[in-house]
């Protein structure tokens, strides 16, 4: 397969920036509630206004995730879902959608496959980027060496505790976008958006002109609007996974509820003015 000369994530942010619109990026845990429903949910989120998709690779010890996504991982793992199966699923989805997809995976599954083999397989499947929450840039050399060969964006996380020189380091190795963690702690729906977000993004903009997306704790359309006022992209995970969990036993109800909620979030992101 020939290498793509462009990356869908970069292209999408360029398009949105030219229109002055932030990106809405929902998160799905692959295999939750079933592998078959993951594909339907992804296409449903796109129909509801998603600009990019963050597709989680379930892992047995998800240290960055709160109870909601931990439970989603457990449900997915009961189906025996693997990184190879997820890549195969993306390859099948590419027959139906061109939406940018970033895999969110802990380092262990990538390390076990081998960075070079993973990047090649991801590119061939149609994955556009990878987010590895437990891999600091200092330990990412093998991934950073392999990813550009396959036009795979490497997305690293900045936290409210990151000092300016650390922000600069993370931004310098991030491609696609920089992932801003809105709060110190694990993923999960929150009652309000952290006050640390705006100053953190303002500081980060001193060090990079790359797109900045905010995740961890964005739970409502109102919070999505708040986040979109300062960021180029808004990532919503646990709040969507909560809806999936609630309706997991009724496919029709599940897809309808997720579409309704995601549509409200997408409207929140685009109504930032």
C-alpha atoms as a PDB file:
ATOM      1  CA  UNK A   1       0.000   0.000   0.000  1.00  0.00           C
ATOM      2  CA  UNK A   2       1.396   3.415  -0.862  1.00  0.00           C
ATOM      3  CA  UNK A   3       1.935   5.866   1.963  1.00  0.00           C
ATOM      4  CA  UNK A   4      -0.581   8.687   2.244  1.00  0.00           C
ATOM      5  CA  UNK A   5       0.990  12.056   1.532  1.00  0.00           C
ATOM      6  CA  UNK A   6      -1.379  13.804   3.911  1.00  0.00           C
ATOM      7  CA  UNK A   7      -2.683  13.116   7.366  1.00  0.00           C
ATOM      8  CA  UNK A   8      -6.441  13.346   7.913  1.00  0.00           C
ATOM      9  CA  UNK A   9      -5.995  14.924  11.370  1.00  0.00           C
ATOM     10  CA  UNK A  10      -3.822  17.756  10.013  1.00  0.00           C
ATOM     11  CA  UNK A  11      -6.148  18.247   7.088  1.00  0.00           C
ATOM     12  CA  UNK A  12      -9.233  18.421   9.324  1.00  0.00           C
ATOM     13  CA  UNK A  13      -7.702  21.010  11.668  1.00  0.00           C
ATOM     14  CA  UNK A  14      -6.576  23.101   8.681  1.00  0.00           C
ATOM     15  CA  UNK A  15     -10.127  23.046   7.283  1.00  0.00           C
ATOM     16  CA  UNK A  16     -11.682  23.936  10.636  1.00  0.00           C
ATOM     17  CA  UNK A  17      -9.161  26.666  11.388  1.00  0.00           C
ATOM     18  CA  UNK A  18      -9.830  28.292   8.029  1.00  0.00           C
ATOM     19  CA  UNK A  19     -13.522  28.425   9.030  1.00  0.00           C
ATOM     20  CA  UNK A  20     -12.765  29.509  12.599  1.00  0.00           C
ATOM     21  CA  UNK A  21     -14.543  26.443  13.988  1.00  0.00           C
ATOM     22  CA  UNK A  22     -13.258  24.180  16.779  1.00  0.00           C
ATOM     23  CA  UNK A  23     -13.231  20.394  16.386  1.00  0.00           C
ATOM     24  CA  UNK A  24     -15.578  18.035  18.237  1.00  0.00           C
ATOM     25  CA  UNK A  25     -13.785  14.788  19.032  1.00  0.00           C
ATOM     26  CA  UNK A  26     -15.767  12.111  20.875  1.00  0.00           C
ATOM     27  CA  UNK A  27     -14.127   9.069  22.441  1.00  0.00           C
ATOM     28  CA  UNK A  28     -15.251   5.464  22.008  1.00  0.00           C
ATOM     29  CA  UNK A  29     -13.800   2.407  23.686  1.00  0.00           C
ATOM     30  CA  UNK A  30     -13.381  -0.171  20.915  1.00  0.00           C
ATOM     31  CA  UNK A  31     -15.412  -3.313  21.651  1.00  0.00           C
ATOM     32  CA  UNK A  32     -17.828  -1.594  24.051  1.00  0.00           C
ATOM     33  CA  UNK A  33     -20.532  -2.762  24.416  1.00  0.00           C
ATOM     34  CA  UNK A  34     -19.706  -5.157  21.546  1.00  0.00           C
ATOM     35  CA  UNK A  35     -17.242  -5.009  18.626  1.00  0.00           C
ATOM     36  CA  UNK A  36     -20.142  -4.866  16.138  1.00  0.00           C
ATOM     37  CA  UNK A  37     -21.694  -1.884  17.892  1.00  0.00           C
ATOM     38  CA  UNK A  38     -18.398   0.024  17.954  1.00  0.00           C
ATOM     39  CA  UNK A  39     -18.552   0.486  14.183  1.00  0.00           C
ATOM     40  CA  UNK A  40     -22.205   1.570  14.310  1.00  0.00           C
ATOM     41  CA  UNK A  41     -21.472   3.972  17.171  1.00  0.00           C
ATOM     42  CA  UNK A  42     -18.539   5.526  15.316  1.00  0.00           C
ATOM     43  CA  UNK A  43     -20.659   6.173  12.223  1.00  0.00           C
ATOM     44  CA  UNK A  44     -23.462   7.493  14.454  1.00  0.00           C
ATOM     45  CA  UNK A  45     -21.058   9.960  16.100  1.00  0.00           C
ATOM     46  CA  UNK A  46     -19.899  11.151  12.688  1.00  0.00           C
ATOM     47  CA  UNK A  47     -23.528  11.677  11.637  1.00  0.00           C
ATOM     48  CA  UNK A  48     -24.096  13.641  14.853  1.00  0.00           C
ATOM     49  CA  UNK A  49     -21.344  16.124  13.982  1.00  0.00           C
ATOM     50  CA  UNK A  50     -18.052  14.581  15.133  1.00  0.00           C
ATOM     51  CA  UNK A  51     -15.011  15.972  13.296  1.00  0.00           C
ATOM     52  CA  UNK A  52     -12.528  13.376  14.561  1.00  0.00           C
ATOM     53  CA  UNK A  53     -12.829  10.159  16.575  1.00  0.00           C
ATOM     54  CA  UNK A  54     -10.659   9.046  19.462  1.00  0.00           C
ATOM     55  CA  UNK A  55     -10.857   5.251  19.510  1.00  0.00           C
ATOM     56  CA  UNK A  56      -9.740   3.663  22.760  1.00  0.00           C
ATOM     57  CA  UNK A  57      -7.804   0.392  22.823  1.00  0.00           C
ATOM     58  CA  UNK A  58      -9.072  -1.418  25.948  1.00  0.00           C
ATOM     59  CA  UNK A  59      -6.394  -2.354  28.445  1.00  0.00           C
ATOM     60  CA  UNK A  60      -6.493  -4.366  31.645  1.00  0.00           C
ATOM     61  CA  UNK A  61      -4.785  -1.662  33.741  1.00  0.00           C
ATOM     62  CA  UNK A  62      -5.975   1.717  32.430  1.00  0.00           C
ATOM     63  CA  UNK A  63      -4.152   3.969  34.918  1.00  0.00           C
ATOM     64  CA  UNK A  64      -5.253   7.284  33.369  1.00  0.00           C
ATOM     65  CA  UNK A  65      -8.925   6.350  33.278  1.00  0.00           C
ATOM     66  CA  UNK A  66     -11.653   6.739  35.843  1.00  0.00           C
ATOM     67  CA  UNK A  67     -14.409   4.219  36.658  1.00  0.00           C
ATOM     68  CA  UNK A  68     -16.540   4.896  33.547  1.00  0.00           C
ATOM     69  CA  UNK A  69     -13.854   4.053  30.992  1.00  0.00           C
ATOM     70  CA  UNK A  70     -12.436   1.297  33.205  1.00  0.00           C
ATOM     71  CA  UNK A  71     -15.844  -0.411  33.058  1.00  0.00           C
ATOM     72  CA  UNK A  72     -15.991   0.137  29.278  1.00  0.00           C
ATOM     73  CA  UNK A  73     -12.569  -1.519  28.952  1.00  0.00           C
ATOM     74  CA  UNK A  74     -13.759  -4.456  31.046  1.00  0.00           C
ATOM     75  CA  UNK A  75     -16.867  -4.894  28.882  1.00  0.00           C
ATOM     76  CA  UNK A  76     -14.736  -4.762  25.719  1.00  0.00           C
ATOM     77  CA  UNK A  77     -12.169  -7.223  27.054  1.00  0.00           C
ATOM     78  CA  UNK A  78     -14.894  -9.801  27.774  1.00  0.00           C
ATOM     79  CA  UNK A  79     -15.222 -10.016  23.960  1.00  0.00           C
ATOM     80  CA  UNK A  80     -11.495 -10.754  23.692  1.00  0.00           C
ATOM     81  CA  UNK A  81     -10.885  -7.624  21.607  1.00  0.00           C
ATOM     82  CA  UNK A  82      -7.235  -7.032  20.656  1.00  0.00           C
ATOM     83  CA  UNK A  83      -5.219  -4.279  19.028  1.00  0.00           C
ATOM     84  CA  UNK A  84      -5.024  -6.351  15.824  1.00  0.00           C
ATOM     85  CA  UNK A  85      -8.823  -6.738  15.760  1.00  0.00           C
ATOM     86  CA  UNK A  86      -9.292  -3.007  16.296  1.00  0.00           C
ATOM     87  CA  UNK A  87      -6.987  -2.231  13.371  1.00  0.00           C
ATOM     88  CA  UNK A  88      -8.951  -4.681  11.224  1.00  0.00           C
ATOM     89  CA  UNK A  89     -12.155  -2.947  12.297  1.00  0.00           C
ATOM     90  CA  UNK A  90     -10.781   0.461  11.284  1.00  0.00           C
ATOM     91  CA  UNK A  91      -9.770  -0.984   7.908  1.00  0.00           C
ATOM     92  CA  UNK A  92     -13.364  -2.163   7.388  1.00  0.00           C
ATOM     93  CA  UNK A  93     -14.766   1.190   8.545  1.00  0.00           C
ATOM     94  CA  UNK A  94     -12.583   2.957   5.988  1.00  0.00           C
ATOM     95  CA  UNK A  95     -14.909   1.595   3.310  1.00  0.00           C
ATOM     96  CA  UNK A  96     -17.655   3.776   4.819  1.00  0.00           C
ATOM     97  CA  UNK A  97     -15.991   6.821   6.329  1.00  0.00           C
ATOM     98  CA  UNK A  98     -13.008   9.113   5.913  1.00  0.00           C
ATOM     99  CA  UNK A  99     -13.275  10.683   9.392  1.00  0.00           C
ATOM    100  CA  UNK A 100      -9.887  11.126  11.107  1.00  0.00           C
ATOM    101  CA  UNK A 101      -9.283   8.410  13.729  1.00  0.00           C
ATOM    102  CA  UNK A 102      -6.719   8.597  16.525  1.00  0.00           C
ATOM    103  CA  UNK A 103      -6.117   5.480  18.598  1.00  0.00           C
ATOM    104  CA  UNK A 104      -5.809   6.035  22.349  1.00  0.00           C
ATOM    105  CA  UNK A 105      -3.701   3.135  23.563  1.00  0.00           C
ATOM    106  CA  UNK A 106      -1.561   2.423  26.568  1.00  0.00           C
ATOM    107  CA  UNK A 107       2.020   1.665  25.631  1.00  0.00           C
ATOM    108  CA  UNK A 108       2.014  -2.046  26.456  1.00  0.00           C
ATOM    109  CA  UNK A 109      -0.009  -3.299  23.419  1.00  0.00           C
ATOM    110  CA  UNK A 110       2.103  -1.117  21.064  1.00  0.00           C
ATOM    111  CA  UNK A 111       5.363  -2.250  22.681  1.00  0.00           C
ATOM    112  CA  UNK A 112       4.322  -5.893  22.378  1.00  0.00           C
ATOM    113  CA  UNK A 113       3.526  -5.510  18.678  1.00  0.00           C
ATOM    114  CA  UNK A 114       6.689  -3.467  18.118  1.00  0.00           C
ATOM    115  CA  UNK A 115       6.607   0.250  17.293  1.00  0.00           C
ATOM    116  CA  UNK A 116       7.568  -0.153  13.641  1.00  0.00           C
ATOM    117  CA  UNK A 117       5.100  -2.996  13.055  1.00  0.00           C
ATOM    118  CA  UNK A 118       2.359  -1.083  14.882  1.00  0.00           C
ATOM    119  CA  UNK A 119       2.868   2.132  12.910  1.00  0.00           C
ATOM    120  CA  UNK A 120       2.877   0.269   9.610  1.00  0.00           C
ATOM    121  CA  UNK A 121      -0.245  -1.729  10.514  1.00  0.00           C
ATOM    122  CA  UNK A 122      -2.016   1.402  11.785  1.00  0.00           C
ATOM    123  CA  UNK A 123      -1.272   3.306   8.593  1.00  0.00           C
ATOM    124  CA  UNK A 124      -2.390   0.404   6.408  1.00  0.00           C
ATOM    125  CA  UNK A 125      -5.635   0.130   8.387  1.00  0.00           C
ATOM    126  CA  UNK A 126      -6.375   3.843   7.976  1.00  0.00           C
ATOM    127  CA  UNK A 127      -5.506   5.114  11.468  1.00  0.00           C
ATOM    128  CA  UNK A 128      -4.301   8.724  11.475  1.00  0.00           C
ATOM    129  CA  UNK A 129      -2.765   9.226  14.903  1.00  0.00           C
ATOM    130  CA  UNK A 130      -1.891   7.641  18.220  1.00  0.00           C
ATOM    131  CA  UNK A 131      -2.284   8.940  21.769  1.00  0.00           C
ATOM    132  CA  UNK A 132      -0.328   7.028  24.429  1.00  0.00           C
ATOM    133  CA  UNK A 133      -1.239   8.426  27.871  1.00  0.00           C
ATOM    134  CA  UNK A 134       1.425   6.484  29.790  1.00  0.00           C
ATOM    135  CA  UNK A 135       4.337   7.230  27.425  1.00  0.00           C
ATOM    136  CA  UNK A 136       6.361  10.379  28.231  1.00  0.00           C
ATOM    137  CA  UNK A 137       8.275  11.935  25.313  1.00  0.00           C
ATOM    138  CA  UNK A 138      11.613  10.993  26.908  1.00  0.00           C
ATOM    139  CA  UNK A 139      10.771   7.302  26.524  1.00  0.00           C
ATOM    140  CA  UNK A 140       9.045   7.611  23.140  1.00  0.00           C
ATOM    141  CA  UNK A 141      12.061   7.550  20.802  1.00  0.00           C
ATOM    142  CA  UNK A 142      11.180   4.226  19.095  1.00  0.00           C
ATOM    143  CA  UNK A 143       7.616   5.425  18.412  1.00  0.00           C
ATOM    144  CA  UNK A 144       8.780   8.890  17.340  1.00  0.00           C
ATOM    145  CA  UNK A 145      11.275   7.303  14.950  1.00  0.00           C
ATOM    146  CA  UNK A 146       8.707   4.984  13.346  1.00  0.00           C
ATOM    147  CA  UNK A 147       5.543   7.131  13.187  1.00  0.00           C
ATOM    148  CA  UNK A 148       6.651   9.753  10.608  1.00  0.00           C
ATOM    149  CA  UNK A 149       7.552   7.016   8.108  1.00  0.00           C
ATOM    150  CA  UNK A 150       3.882   6.017   8.087  1.00  0.00           C
ATOM    151  CA  UNK A 151       2.414   9.527   8.366  1.00  0.00           C
ATOM    152  CA  UNK A 152       1.003   8.688  11.797  1.00  0.00           C
ATOM    153  CA  UNK A 153       0.447  11.639  14.129  1.00  0.00           C
ATOM    154  CA  UNK A 154       1.959  11.308  17.612  1.00  0.00           C
ATOM    155  CA  UNK A 155      -0.196  13.109  20.153  1.00  0.00           C
ATOM    156  CA  UNK A 156       1.191  13.748  23.647  1.00  0.00           C
ATOM    157  CA  UNK A 157      -0.531  15.023  26.769  1.00  0.00           C
ATOM    158  CA  UNK A 158       0.064  18.282  28.628  1.00  0.00           C
ATOM    159  CA  UNK A 159      -1.267  18.480  32.204  1.00  0.00           C
ATOM    160  CA  UNK A 160      -2.051  21.468  34.445  1.00  0.00           C
ATOM    161  CA  UNK A 161       1.080  20.510  36.399  1.00  0.00           C
ATOM    162  CA  UNK A 162       3.362  20.729  33.327  1.00  0.00           C
ATOM    163  CA  UNK A 163       5.894  23.585  33.705  1.00  0.00           C
ATOM    164  CA  UNK A 164       6.544  25.805  30.640  1.00  0.00           C
ATOM    165  CA  UNK A 165       9.738  23.986  29.567  1.00  0.00           C
ATOM    166  CA  UNK A 166       7.866  20.682  29.752  1.00  0.00           C
ATOM    167  CA  UNK A 167       5.032  22.115  27.649  1.00  0.00           C
ATOM    168  CA  UNK A 168       7.577  23.173  25.038  1.00  0.00           C
ATOM    169  CA  UNK A 169       9.107  19.669  24.957  1.00  0.00           C
ATOM    170  CA  UNK A 170       5.707  17.951  24.633  1.00  0.00           C
ATOM    171  CA  UNK A 171       4.491  20.369  21.959  1.00  0.00           C
ATOM    172  CA  UNK A 172       7.705  19.902  19.946  1.00  0.00           C
ATOM    173  CA  UNK A 173       7.159  16.132  19.562  1.00  0.00           C
ATOM    174  CA  UNK A 174       3.372  16.266  19.157  1.00  0.00           C
ATOM    175  CA  UNK A 175       1.980  16.125  15.639  1.00  0.00           C
ATOM    176  CA  UNK A 176      -1.683  16.423  14.654  1.00  0.00           C
ATOM    177  CA  UNK A 177      -2.546  18.268  17.842  1.00  0.00           C
ATOM    178  CA  UNK A 178      -1.457  18.659  21.460  1.00  0.00           C
ATOM    179  CA  UNK A 179      -3.761  16.963  23.992  1.00  0.00           C
ATOM    180  CA  UNK A 180      -4.453  19.225  26.964  1.00  0.00           C
ATOM    181  CA  UNK A 181      -5.624  17.360  30.052  1.00  0.00           C
ATOM    182  CA  UNK A 182      -8.091  19.739  31.713  1.00  0.00           C
ATOM    183  CA  UNK A 183      -7.392  18.556  35.246  1.00  0.00           C
ATOM    184  CA  UNK A 184      -4.968  16.575  37.349  1.00  0.00           C
ATOM    185  CA  UNK A 185      -6.302  13.064  37.814  1.00  0.00           C
ATOM    186  CA  UNK A 186      -8.139  10.453  35.782  1.00  0.00           C
ATOM    187  CA  UNK A 187     -10.771  10.681  33.059  1.00  0.00           C
ATOM    188  CA  UNK A 188     -14.397  11.101  34.112  1.00  0.00           C
ATOM    189  CA  UNK A 189     -17.424  13.349  33.834  1.00  0.00           C
ATOM    190  CA  UNK A 190     -17.209  16.448  36.033  1.00  0.00           C
ATOM    191  CA  UNK A 191     -19.742  18.964  37.283  1.00  0.00           C
ATOM    192  CA  UNK A 192     -17.762  21.930  35.960  1.00  0.00           C
ATOM    193  CA  UNK A 193     -14.806  22.627  33.731  1.00  0.00           C
ATOM    194  CA  UNK A 194     -11.547  23.230  35.591  1.00  0.00           C
ATOM    195  CA  UNK A 195     -10.419  26.840  35.990  1.00  0.00           C
ATOM    196  CA  UNK A 196      -6.914  25.700  35.092  1.00  0.00           C
ATOM    197  CA  UNK A 197      -7.814  25.150  31.438  1.00  0.00           C
ATOM    198  CA  UNK A 198      -7.681  28.709  30.055  1.00  0.00           C
ATOM    199  CA  UNK A 199      -4.346  29.708  31.677  1.00  0.00           C
ATOM    200  CA  UNK A 200      -2.790  26.364  30.701  1.00  0.00           C
ATOM    201  CA  UNK A 201      -3.772  26.789  27.047  1.00  0.00           C
ATOM    202  CA  UNK A 202      -2.631  30.426  27.039  1.00  0.00           C
ATOM    203  CA  UNK A 203       0.804  29.297  28.287  1.00  0.00           C
ATOM    204  CA  UNK A 204       0.925  26.425  25.802  1.00  0.00           C
ATOM    205  CA  UNK A 205       0.217  28.819  22.917  1.00  0.00           C
ATOM    206  CA  UNK A 206       3.456  30.633  23.823  1.00  0.00           C
ATOM    207  CA  UNK A 207       5.304  27.463  22.834  1.00  0.00           C
ATOM    208  CA  UNK A 208       3.401  26.150  19.799  1.00  0.00           C
ATOM    209  CA  UNK A 209       1.057  27.078  16.988  1.00  0.00           C
ATOM    210  CA  UNK A 210      -0.135  23.464  16.672  1.00  0.00           C
ATOM    211  CA  UNK A 211      -3.837  22.796  17.342  1.00  0.00           C
ATOM    212  CA  UNK A 212      -4.668  22.261  21.026  1.00  0.00           C
ATOM    213  CA  UNK A 213      -7.485  19.939  22.085  1.00  0.00           C
ATOM    214  CA  UNK A 214      -8.916  19.706  25.586  1.00  0.00           C
ATOM    215  CA  UNK A 215     -10.068  16.460  27.164  1.00  0.00           C
ATOM    216  CA  UNK A 216     -10.658  14.791  30.550  1.00  0.00           C
ATOM    217  CA  UNK A 217     -13.761  16.059  32.300  1.00  0.00           C
ATOM    218  CA  UNK A 218     -15.703  17.791  29.488  1.00  0.00           C
ATOM    219  CA  UNK A 219     -19.187  16.424  30.189  1.00  0.00           C
ATOM    220  CA  UNK A 220     -21.956  18.747  28.980  1.00  0.00           C
ATOM    221  CA  UNK A 221     -22.746  20.940  25.961  1.00  0.00           C
ATOM    222  CA  UNK A 222     -22.141  24.001  28.185  1.00  0.00           C
ATOM    223  CA  UNK A 223     -18.680  22.752  29.153  1.00  0.00           C
ATOM    224  CA  UNK A 224     -17.978  21.943  25.518  1.00  0.00           C
ATOM    225  CA  UNK A 225     -18.786  25.570  24.652  1.00  0.00           C
ATOM    226  CA  UNK A 226     -16.467  26.779  27.436  1.00  0.00           C
ATOM    227  CA  UNK A 227     -13.627  24.550  26.269  1.00  0.00           C
ATOM    228  CA  UNK A 228     -14.140  25.582  22.635  1.00  0.00           C
ATOM    229  CA  UNK A 229     -13.671  29.240  23.570  1.00  0.00           C
ATOM    230  CA  UNK A 230     -10.007  28.568  24.362  1.00  0.00           C
ATOM    231  CA  UNK A 231      -9.119  25.375  22.461  1.00  0.00           C
ATOM    232  CA  UNK A 232      -9.017  24.209  18.837  1.00  0.00           C
ATOM    233  CA  UNK A 233     -10.640  20.887  19.704  1.00  0.00           C
ATOM    234  CA  UNK A 234     -12.888  19.465  22.416  1.00  0.00           C
ATOM    235  CA  UNK A 235     -12.639  15.795  23.431  1.00  0.00           C
ATOM    236  CA  UNK A 236     -15.562  14.148  25.236  1.00  0.00           C
ATOM    237  CA  UNK A 237     -15.151  10.620  26.561  1.00  0.00           C
ATOM    238  CA  UNK A 238     -16.716   9.499  29.820  1.00  0.00           C
ATOM    239  CA  UNK A 239     -19.976  11.412  29.356  1.00  0.00           C
ATOM    240  CA  UNK A 240     -20.583   9.580  26.056  1.00  0.00           C
ATOM    241  CA  UNK A 241     -19.476   6.234  27.505  1.00  0.00           C
ATOM    242  CA  UNK A 242     -21.991   6.763  30.340  1.00  0.00           C
ATOM    243  CA  UNK A 243     -24.781   6.980  27.736  1.00  0.00           C
ATOM    244  CA  UNK A 244     -23.483   3.811  26.050  1.00  0.00           C
ATOM    245  CA  UNK A 245     -23.393   1.985  29.380  1.00  0.00           C
ATOM    246  CA  UNK A 246     -26.931   3.051  30.242  1.00  0.00           C
ATOM    247  CA  UNK A 247     -28.408   1.777  26.951  1.00  0.00           C
ATOM    248  CA  UNK A 248     -26.013  -1.106  26.196  1.00  0.00           C
ATOM    249  CA  UNK A 249     -28.758  -3.754  26.097  1.00  0.00           C
ATOM    250  CA  UNK A 250     -30.958  -2.039  23.480  1.00  0.00           C
ATOM    251  CA  UNK A 251     -29.189  -1.282  20.215  1.00  0.00           C
ATOM    252  CA  UNK A 252     -31.857   1.000  18.775  1.00  0.00           C
ATOM    253  CA  UNK A 253     -32.142   3.013  21.994  1.00  0.00           C
ATOM    254  CA  UNK A 254     -28.347   3.088  22.334  1.00  0.00           C
ATOM    255  CA  UNK A 255     -27.689   4.549  18.889  1.00  0.00           C
ATOM    256  CA  UNK A 256     -30.537   7.027  19.199  1.00  0.00           C
ATOM    257  CA  UNK A 257     -29.441   8.253  22.673  1.00  0.00           C
ATOM    258  CA  UNK A 258     -25.793   8.580  21.645  1.00  0.00           C
ATOM    259  CA  UNK A 259     -26.739  10.485  18.497  1.00  0.00           C
ATOM    260  CA  UNK A 260     -28.954  12.893  20.453  1.00  0.00           C
ATOM    261  CA  UNK A 261     -26.321  13.585  23.117  1.00  0.00           C
ATOM    262  CA  UNK A 262     -23.450  13.889  20.631  1.00  0.00           C
ATOM    263  CA  UNK A 263     -25.508  16.314  18.522  1.00  0.00           C
ATOM    264  CA  UNK A 264     -25.954  18.537  21.598  1.00  0.00           C
ATOM    265  CA  UNK A 265     -22.219  18.384  22.323  1.00  0.00           C
ATOM    266  CA  UNK A 266     -21.366  19.202  18.693  1.00  0.00           C
ATOM    267  CA  UNK A 267     -23.708  22.180  18.833  1.00  0.00           C
ATOM    268  CA  UNK A 268     -22.040  23.251  22.069  1.00  0.00           C
ATOM    269  CA  UNK A 269     -18.610  23.156  20.462  1.00  0.00           C
ATOM    270  CA  UNK A 270     -19.670  25.195  17.437  1.00  0.00           C
ATOM    271  CA  UNK A 271     -21.637  27.782  19.461  1.00  0.00           C
ATOM    272  CA  UNK A 272     -18.590  29.030  21.330  1.00  0.00           C
ATOM    273  CA  UNK A 273     -19.081  32.634  20.303  1.00  0.00           C
END
